[in-house]
N, C-alpha and C. Protein backbone atom coordinates (compact mmCIF):
# COMPACT_ATOMS: atom_id res chain seq x y z
N MET A 1 -16.65 15.62 17.54
CA MET A 1 -15.34 16.08 16.39
C MET A 1 -15.14 14.74 15.63
N LYS A 2 -15.16 15.60 14.31
CA LYS A 2 -15.01 14.79 13.28
C LYS A 2 -13.45 14.60 13.07
N CYS A 3 -12.86 13.29 12.50
CA CYS A 3 -11.69 13.59 11.90
C CYS A 3 -11.42 13.89 10.75
N VAL A 4 -10.53 14.32 10.49
CA VAL A 4 -10.06 14.81 9.11
C VAL A 4 -10.07 13.76 7.54
N ASP A 5 -9.40 12.70 7.97
CA ASP A 5 -9.66 11.81 6.97
C ASP A 5 -10.96 11.14 6.93
N LYS A 6 -12.14 11.57 7.29
CA LYS A 6 -13.26 11.06 7.08
C LYS A 6 -14.24 11.82 7.03
N ILE A 7 -14.17 12.90 6.54
CA ILE A 7 -15.31 13.77 6.56
C ILE A 7 -16.23 13.51 5.18
N GLU A 8 -17.32 13.79 5.32
CA GLU A 8 -18.52 13.30 4.51
C GLU A 8 -19.06 14.79 4.02
N PRO A 9 -19.01 14.92 2.88
CA PRO A 9 -19.41 16.05 2.19
C PRO A 9 -20.90 16.29 2.43
N LEU A 10 -21.13 17.70 2.86
CA LEU A 10 -22.47 18.14 2.92
C LEU A 10 -23.50 18.00 1.84
N ARG A 11 -22.93 19.04 1.39
CA ARG A 11 -22.99 19.92 0.45
C ARG A 11 -22.46 19.40 -1.09
N LYS A 12 -23.03 20.01 -2.01
CA LYS A 12 -22.57 19.79 -3.67
C LYS A 12 -21.19 20.68 -3.33
N GLY A 13 -20.15 20.27 -4.26
CA GLY A 13 -19.09 21.09 -4.06
C GLY A 13 -17.83 20.92 -3.15
N GLU A 14 -18.38 20.03 -2.09
CA GLU A 14 -17.86 20.60 -0.66
C GLU A 14 -16.00 19.74 -1.03
N TRP A 15 -15.96 18.90 -1.60
CA TRP A 15 -15.02 18.01 -1.89
C TRP A 15 -14.00 18.88 -3.01
N SER A 16 -14.43 19.58 -3.59
CA SER A 16 -13.29 20.54 -4.46
C SER A 16 -12.91 21.47 -3.33
N VAL A 17 -13.68 21.97 -2.71
CA VAL A 17 -12.89 23.07 -1.65
C VAL A 17 -12.41 22.31 -0.78
N LEU A 18 -12.41 21.38 -0.15
CA LEU A 18 -11.22 20.14 0.78
C LEU A 18 -10.02 19.81 -0.41
N SER A 19 -10.32 19.52 -1.34
CA SER A 19 -8.77 19.48 -1.82
C SER A 19 -7.88 20.42 -2.31
N GLU A 20 -8.82 21.53 -2.79
CA GLU A 20 -8.34 22.44 -2.70
C GLU A 20 -7.27 23.23 -1.50
N LYS A 21 -7.89 23.06 -0.34
CA LYS A 21 -7.29 23.58 0.99
C LYS A 21 -5.96 22.75 1.07
N LYS A 22 -6.07 21.21 0.86
CA LYS A 22 -5.35 20.13 1.28
C LYS A 22 -4.00 20.52 -0.05
N THR A 23 -4.40 20.92 -1.61
CA THR A 23 -3.30 21.42 -2.35
C THR A 23 -2.45 22.72 -1.81
N ARG A 24 -3.19 23.41 -1.31
CA ARG A 24 -2.65 24.78 -1.07
C ARG A 24 -1.78 24.70 0.32
N LEU A 25 -2.17 23.50 1.67
CA LEU A 25 -1.48 23.15 2.64
C LEU A 25 -0.12 22.50 2.09
N ALA A 26 -0.23 21.67 1.15
CA ALA A 26 1.07 21.02 0.26
C ALA A 26 1.78 21.90 0.12
N GLY A 27 1.33 22.55 -1.01
CA GLY A 27 2.16 23.58 -1.41
C GLY A 27 2.82 24.59 -0.45
N LEU A 28 2.49 25.21 0.10
CA LEU A 28 3.06 26.03 1.43
C LEU A 28 4.13 25.15 2.25
N THR A 29 3.61 23.97 2.35
CA THR A 29 4.62 23.06 3.09
C THR A 29 6.01 22.95 2.05
N ILE A 30 5.84 22.73 0.78
CA ILE A 30 7.04 22.58 0.20
C ILE A 30 7.70 23.75 -0.13
N GLY A 31 6.89 24.36 -0.04
CA GLY A 31 7.32 26.28 -0.26
C GLY A 31 8.30 26.58 0.90
N LEU A 32 7.87 26.33 1.93
CA LEU A 32 8.74 26.78 3.44
C LEU A 32 9.93 25.70 3.73
N THR A 33 9.42 24.49 3.32
CA THR A 33 10.84 23.84 3.64
C THR A 33 11.80 23.65 2.42
N THR A 34 11.44 24.36 1.12
CA THR A 34 12.64 25.04 0.25
C THR A 34 13.30 26.13 0.62
N LEU A 35 12.74 27.23 1.24
CA LEU A 35 12.84 28.51 1.86
C LEU A 35 14.10 28.05 2.99
N MET A 36 13.67 26.94 3.74
CA MET A 36 14.67 27.00 4.78
C MET A 36 16.11 26.11 4.39
N ALA A 37 15.54 25.17 3.20
CA ALA A 37 16.92 24.50 2.84
C ALA A 37 17.82 25.36 1.98
N THR A 38 17.28 26.68 2.06
CA THR A 38 18.62 27.77 0.83
C THR A 38 19.83 27.98 1.74
N PRO A 39 20.66 28.16 1.17
CA PRO A 39 21.64 28.96 1.72
C PRO A 39 21.82 29.71 2.45
N ALA A 40 20.65 30.89 2.19
CA ALA A 40 20.99 32.13 3.34
C ALA A 40 20.53 31.53 4.61
N PHE A 41 19.70 30.47 4.80
CA PHE A 41 19.57 30.41 6.19
C PHE A 41 20.44 29.21 6.93
N ALA A 42 21.49 28.55 6.11
CA ALA A 42 22.51 27.54 6.59
C ALA A 42 23.11 28.00 7.47
N ARG A 43 23.71 27.41 8.02
CA ARG A 43 24.98 28.09 9.35
C ARG A 43 25.77 26.63 9.17
N SER A 44 27.50 27.38 9.27
CA SER A 44 28.28 26.42 9.06
C SER A 44 28.57 26.25 10.37
N ILE A 45 29.11 24.71 10.50
CA ILE A 45 29.44 24.54 12.26
C ILE A 45 31.25 24.90 12.45
N SER A 46 31.17 25.72 13.04
CA SER A 46 32.45 26.12 13.60
C SER A 46 33.27 25.01 14.52
N LEU A 47 34.44 24.58 13.93
CA LEU A 47 34.99 23.40 14.93
C LEU A 47 35.86 24.39 15.78
N LYS A 48 36.31 25.38 15.81
CA LYS A 48 36.98 25.99 16.84
C LYS A 48 35.89 25.86 17.93
N ASP A 49 34.62 26.13 18.22
CA ASP A 49 34.07 26.43 19.35
C ASP A 49 33.33 24.88 19.57
N ALA A 50 33.77 23.69 18.71
CA ALA A 50 33.32 22.63 19.40
C ALA A 50 33.49 22.00 20.34
N GLY A 51 33.13 21.67 20.68
CA GLY A 51 33.73 20.72 21.89
C GLY A 51 33.35 19.05 21.99
N ILE A 52 33.74 18.51 22.94
CA ILE A 52 34.01 16.92 23.22
C ILE A 52 32.87 16.23 22.56
N GLY A 53 31.99 16.96 22.82
CA GLY A 53 30.87 16.03 22.43
C GLY A 53 30.47 16.00 20.72
N LEU A 54 30.93 16.95 20.00
CA LEU A 54 30.56 16.77 18.37
C LEU A 54 31.90 15.82 18.08
N TRP A 55 33.13 15.87 18.42
CA TRP A 55 34.34 14.73 18.21
C TRP A 55 33.79 13.58 18.70
N ILE A 56 32.93 13.18 19.76
CA ILE A 56 32.70 11.95 19.84
C ILE A 56 31.67 11.42 18.97
N PHE A 57 30.83 12.29 18.65
CA PHE A 57 29.74 12.14 17.64
C PHE A 57 30.41 11.72 16.17
N ILE A 58 31.44 12.56 15.84
CA ILE A 58 31.99 12.50 14.30
C ILE A 58 32.57 10.56 14.72
N ILE A 59 33.37 10.58 15.68
CA ILE A 59 34.15 9.23 16.04
C ILE A 59 33.02 8.32 15.79
N ILE A 60 32.22 7.92 16.70
CA ILE A 60 30.98 6.80 16.66
C ILE A 60 30.55 7.11 14.96
N GLY A 61 30.42 7.86 14.49
CA GLY A 61 29.39 7.95 13.43
C GLY A 61 30.40 7.31 12.12
N ALA A 62 31.96 7.65 12.35
CA ALA A 62 32.62 7.00 11.33
C ALA A 62 32.61 5.26 11.28
N VAL A 63 32.72 4.79 12.77
CA VAL A 63 32.98 3.74 13.16
C VAL A 63 31.78 2.62 12.85
N ILE A 64 30.97 3.56 12.89
CA ILE A 64 29.34 2.94 12.49
C ILE A 64 29.38 2.84 11.26
N VAL A 65 29.98 3.52 10.55
CA VAL A 65 29.81 3.55 8.60
C VAL A 65 30.94 2.35 8.22
N LEU A 66 31.70 2.39 9.35
CA LEU A 66 32.91 1.21 8.84
C LEU A 66 32.64 0.41 8.89
N LEU A 67 32.24 0.12 9.89
CA LEU A 67 31.47 -1.44 10.60
C LEU A 67 30.56 -2.01 9.56
N GLN A 68 29.99 -0.99 9.01
CA GLN A 68 29.01 -1.69 7.85
C GLN A 68 29.71 -2.19 6.66
N LEU A 69 31.22 -1.85 6.41
CA LEU A 69 31.85 -2.34 5.14
C LEU A 69 32.19 -3.79 5.77
N ILE A 70 32.13 -4.63 6.52
CA ILE A 70 32.73 -5.86 6.78
C ILE A 70 31.58 -6.53 5.95
N PRO A 71 30.40 -6.67 6.42
CA PRO A 71 29.34 -7.55 5.50
C PRO A 71 28.94 -7.06 3.98
N ALA A 72 29.38 -6.21 3.85
CA ALA A 72 29.53 -5.89 2.31
C ALA A 72 30.86 -6.31 1.34
N ALA A 73 31.85 -6.30 2.43
CA ALA A 73 33.03 -6.81 1.79
C ALA A 73 33.04 -8.62 1.87
N ILE A 74 32.33 -9.30 2.92
CA ILE A 74 32.15 -10.43 2.89
C ILE A 74 31.16 -10.98 1.68
N LEU A 75 29.90 -10.52 1.57
CA LEU A 75 29.15 -10.77 0.15
C LEU A 75 29.78 -10.13 -1.23
N PHE A 76 30.60 -9.20 -1.12
CA PHE A 76 31.16 -8.83 -2.54
C PHE A 76 32.13 -9.86 -2.90
N PHE A 77 33.17 -10.35 -2.10
CA PHE A 77 34.24 -11.28 -2.10
C PHE A 77 33.15 -12.78 -2.26
N SER A 78 32.18 -12.84 -1.69
CA SER A 78 31.56 -14.40 -1.98
C SER A 78 30.87 -14.44 -3.34
N PHE A 79 30.69 -13.00 -4.03
CA PHE A 79 29.93 -13.25 -5.28
C PHE A 79 31.05 -13.71 -6.03
N ILE A 80 32.25 -12.59 -6.08
CA ILE A 80 33.48 -12.60 -6.87
C ILE A 80 33.72 -14.33 -7.17
N GLY A 81 33.95 -14.93 -5.76
CA GLY A 81 34.34 -16.28 -5.52
C GLY A 81 33.44 -17.19 -6.23
N THR A 82 32.13 -17.07 -5.88
CA THR A 82 31.20 -17.69 -6.85
C THR A 82 30.83 -17.66 -8.26
N THR A 83 31.39 -16.84 -8.72
CA THR A 83 31.34 -16.41 -10.33
C THR A 83 32.34 -16.95 -10.63
N THR A 84 33.74 -16.72 -9.92
CA THR A 84 34.72 -17.48 -10.64
C THR A 84 34.97 -18.81 -10.77
N GLY A 85 34.55 -19.40 -9.80
CA GLY A 85 34.04 -20.92 -9.63
C GLY A 85 33.72 -21.35 -10.35
N LEU A 86 32.15 -20.73 -10.76
CA LEU A 86 31.43 -21.30 -11.80
C LEU A 86 32.28 -21.21 -13.29
N VAL A 87 32.79 -20.00 -13.48
CA VAL A 87 33.59 -19.85 -14.68
C VAL A 87 34.58 -20.69 -14.94
N ALA A 88 35.54 -20.92 -13.82
CA ALA A 88 36.97 -22.02 -13.64
C ALA A 88 36.38 -23.21 -14.20
N LYS A 89 34.70 -23.52 -13.53
CA LYS A 89 34.49 -25.03 -13.79
C LYS A 89 33.76 -25.79 -15.12
N ARG A 90 33.45 -24.24 -15.36
CA ARG A 90 32.69 -24.41 -16.71
C ARG A 90 33.96 -24.78 -18.06
N LYS A 91 34.63 -23.90 -18.18
CA LYS A 91 36.64 -24.24 -18.90
C LYS A 91 36.59 -25.71 -18.15
N LYS A 92 37.01 -25.73 -17.18
CA LYS A 92 37.34 -27.16 -16.88
C LYS A 92 36.60 -28.40 -17.35
N VAL A 93 35.19 -28.23 -17.51
CA VAL A 93 34.71 -29.36 -18.24
C VAL A 93 34.97 -29.59 -19.54
N SER A 94 34.64 -27.99 -19.95
CA SER A 94 34.89 -28.43 -21.34
C SER A 94 36.06 -29.11 -21.94
N GLU A 95 37.41 -28.59 -21.68
CA GLU A 95 38.27 -29.24 -21.70
C GLU A 95 38.57 -30.49 -21.52
N GLU A 96 37.93 -30.96 -20.29
CA GLU A 96 38.05 -32.62 -20.28
C GLU A 96 37.10 -33.24 -21.22
N THR A 97 35.99 -32.97 -21.45
CA THR A 97 35.13 -33.46 -22.50
C THR A 97 35.80 -33.52 -23.69
N GLY A 98 36.47 -32.37 -24.18
CA GLY A 98 36.69 -32.41 -25.39
C GLY A 98 35.60 -32.56 -26.37
N ALA A 99 36.08 -33.11 -27.79
CA ALA A 99 35.18 -32.49 -28.94
C ALA A 99 33.91 -33.92 -29.02
N GLY A 100 32.93 -34.08 -28.54
CA GLY A 100 31.84 -35.00 -29.01
C GLY A 100 31.99 -36.10 -27.68
N GLU A 101 32.23 -35.85 -26.87
CA GLU A 101 32.39 -37.10 -25.72
C GLU A 101 31.20 -36.53 -25.09
N LYS A 102 30.63 -37.42 -24.43
CA LYS A 102 29.14 -36.87 -23.26
C LYS A 102 29.76 -37.19 -22.02
N ILE A 103 29.32 -36.03 -21.31
CA ILE A 103 29.31 -36.22 -19.71
C ILE A 103 28.42 -37.32 -18.81
N ILE A 104 28.58 -38.13 -17.88
CA ILE A 104 28.35 -39.10 -17.54
C ILE A 104 28.50 -38.71 -16.29
N LEU A 105 27.10 -38.56 -15.24
CA LEU A 105 27.83 -38.56 -14.21
C LEU A 105 27.51 -39.52 -13.38
N PRO A 106 28.42 -39.66 -12.25
CA PRO A 106 28.18 -40.94 -11.40
C PRO A 106 27.23 -41.50 -10.52
N GLY A 107 26.76 -42.47 -10.60
CA GLY A 107 25.68 -43.10 -9.91
C GLY A 107 24.31 -42.81 -10.97
N ILE A 108 24.46 -42.24 -12.17
CA ILE A 108 23.35 -41.93 -13.12
C ILE A 108 23.83 -43.13 -14.41
N GLU A 109 23.22 -44.53 -14.16
CA GLU A 109 23.38 -45.50 -15.59
C GLU A 109 22.72 -45.20 -16.82
N PRO A 110 22.90 -45.06 -17.81
CA PRO A 110 21.94 -45.42 -18.84
C PRO A 110 21.21 -46.61 -19.23
N PRO A 111 20.07 -46.18 -19.70
CA PRO A 111 19.50 -47.22 -19.74
C PRO A 111 19.94 -48.63 -20.48
N PRO A 112 19.42 -49.83 -20.68
CA PRO A 112 19.71 -50.64 -21.26
C PRO A 112 19.05 -50.42 -22.52
N VAL A 113 19.61 -50.79 -23.81
CA VAL A 113 18.78 -50.93 -25.01
C VAL A 113 18.52 -51.94 -25.52
N LYS A 114 17.03 -52.17 -26.11
CA LYS A 114 16.74 -53.54 -26.73
C LYS A 114 16.52 -53.54 -28.00
N LYS A 115 17.43 -54.54 -28.30
CA LYS A 115 17.14 -54.80 -29.81
C LYS A 115 16.24 -55.71 -30.40
């Protein structure tokens, strides 16, 4: 029994036949999927006949979506806080140094100048 992916061509031009069959199959699959996705085949959900299972499904789905907002909010406000902190720090340093002063970090001494 041969695997479809590992077929070796036996005769000249056999690859073109195989690729032609795969192209037809892909086209048929895309066509049928598009046909089934049209509104003609769509059915609406009647909430009048919906059971308790549908309501539980909707509620659990809404809770899961809302729970995803918690880490998203944490990341968003962390980013905003970091950006605001960097901007405020930069403004504070520029106000403190004034024009022409150098910033000397604590613990770092300038090397002695030999004359």
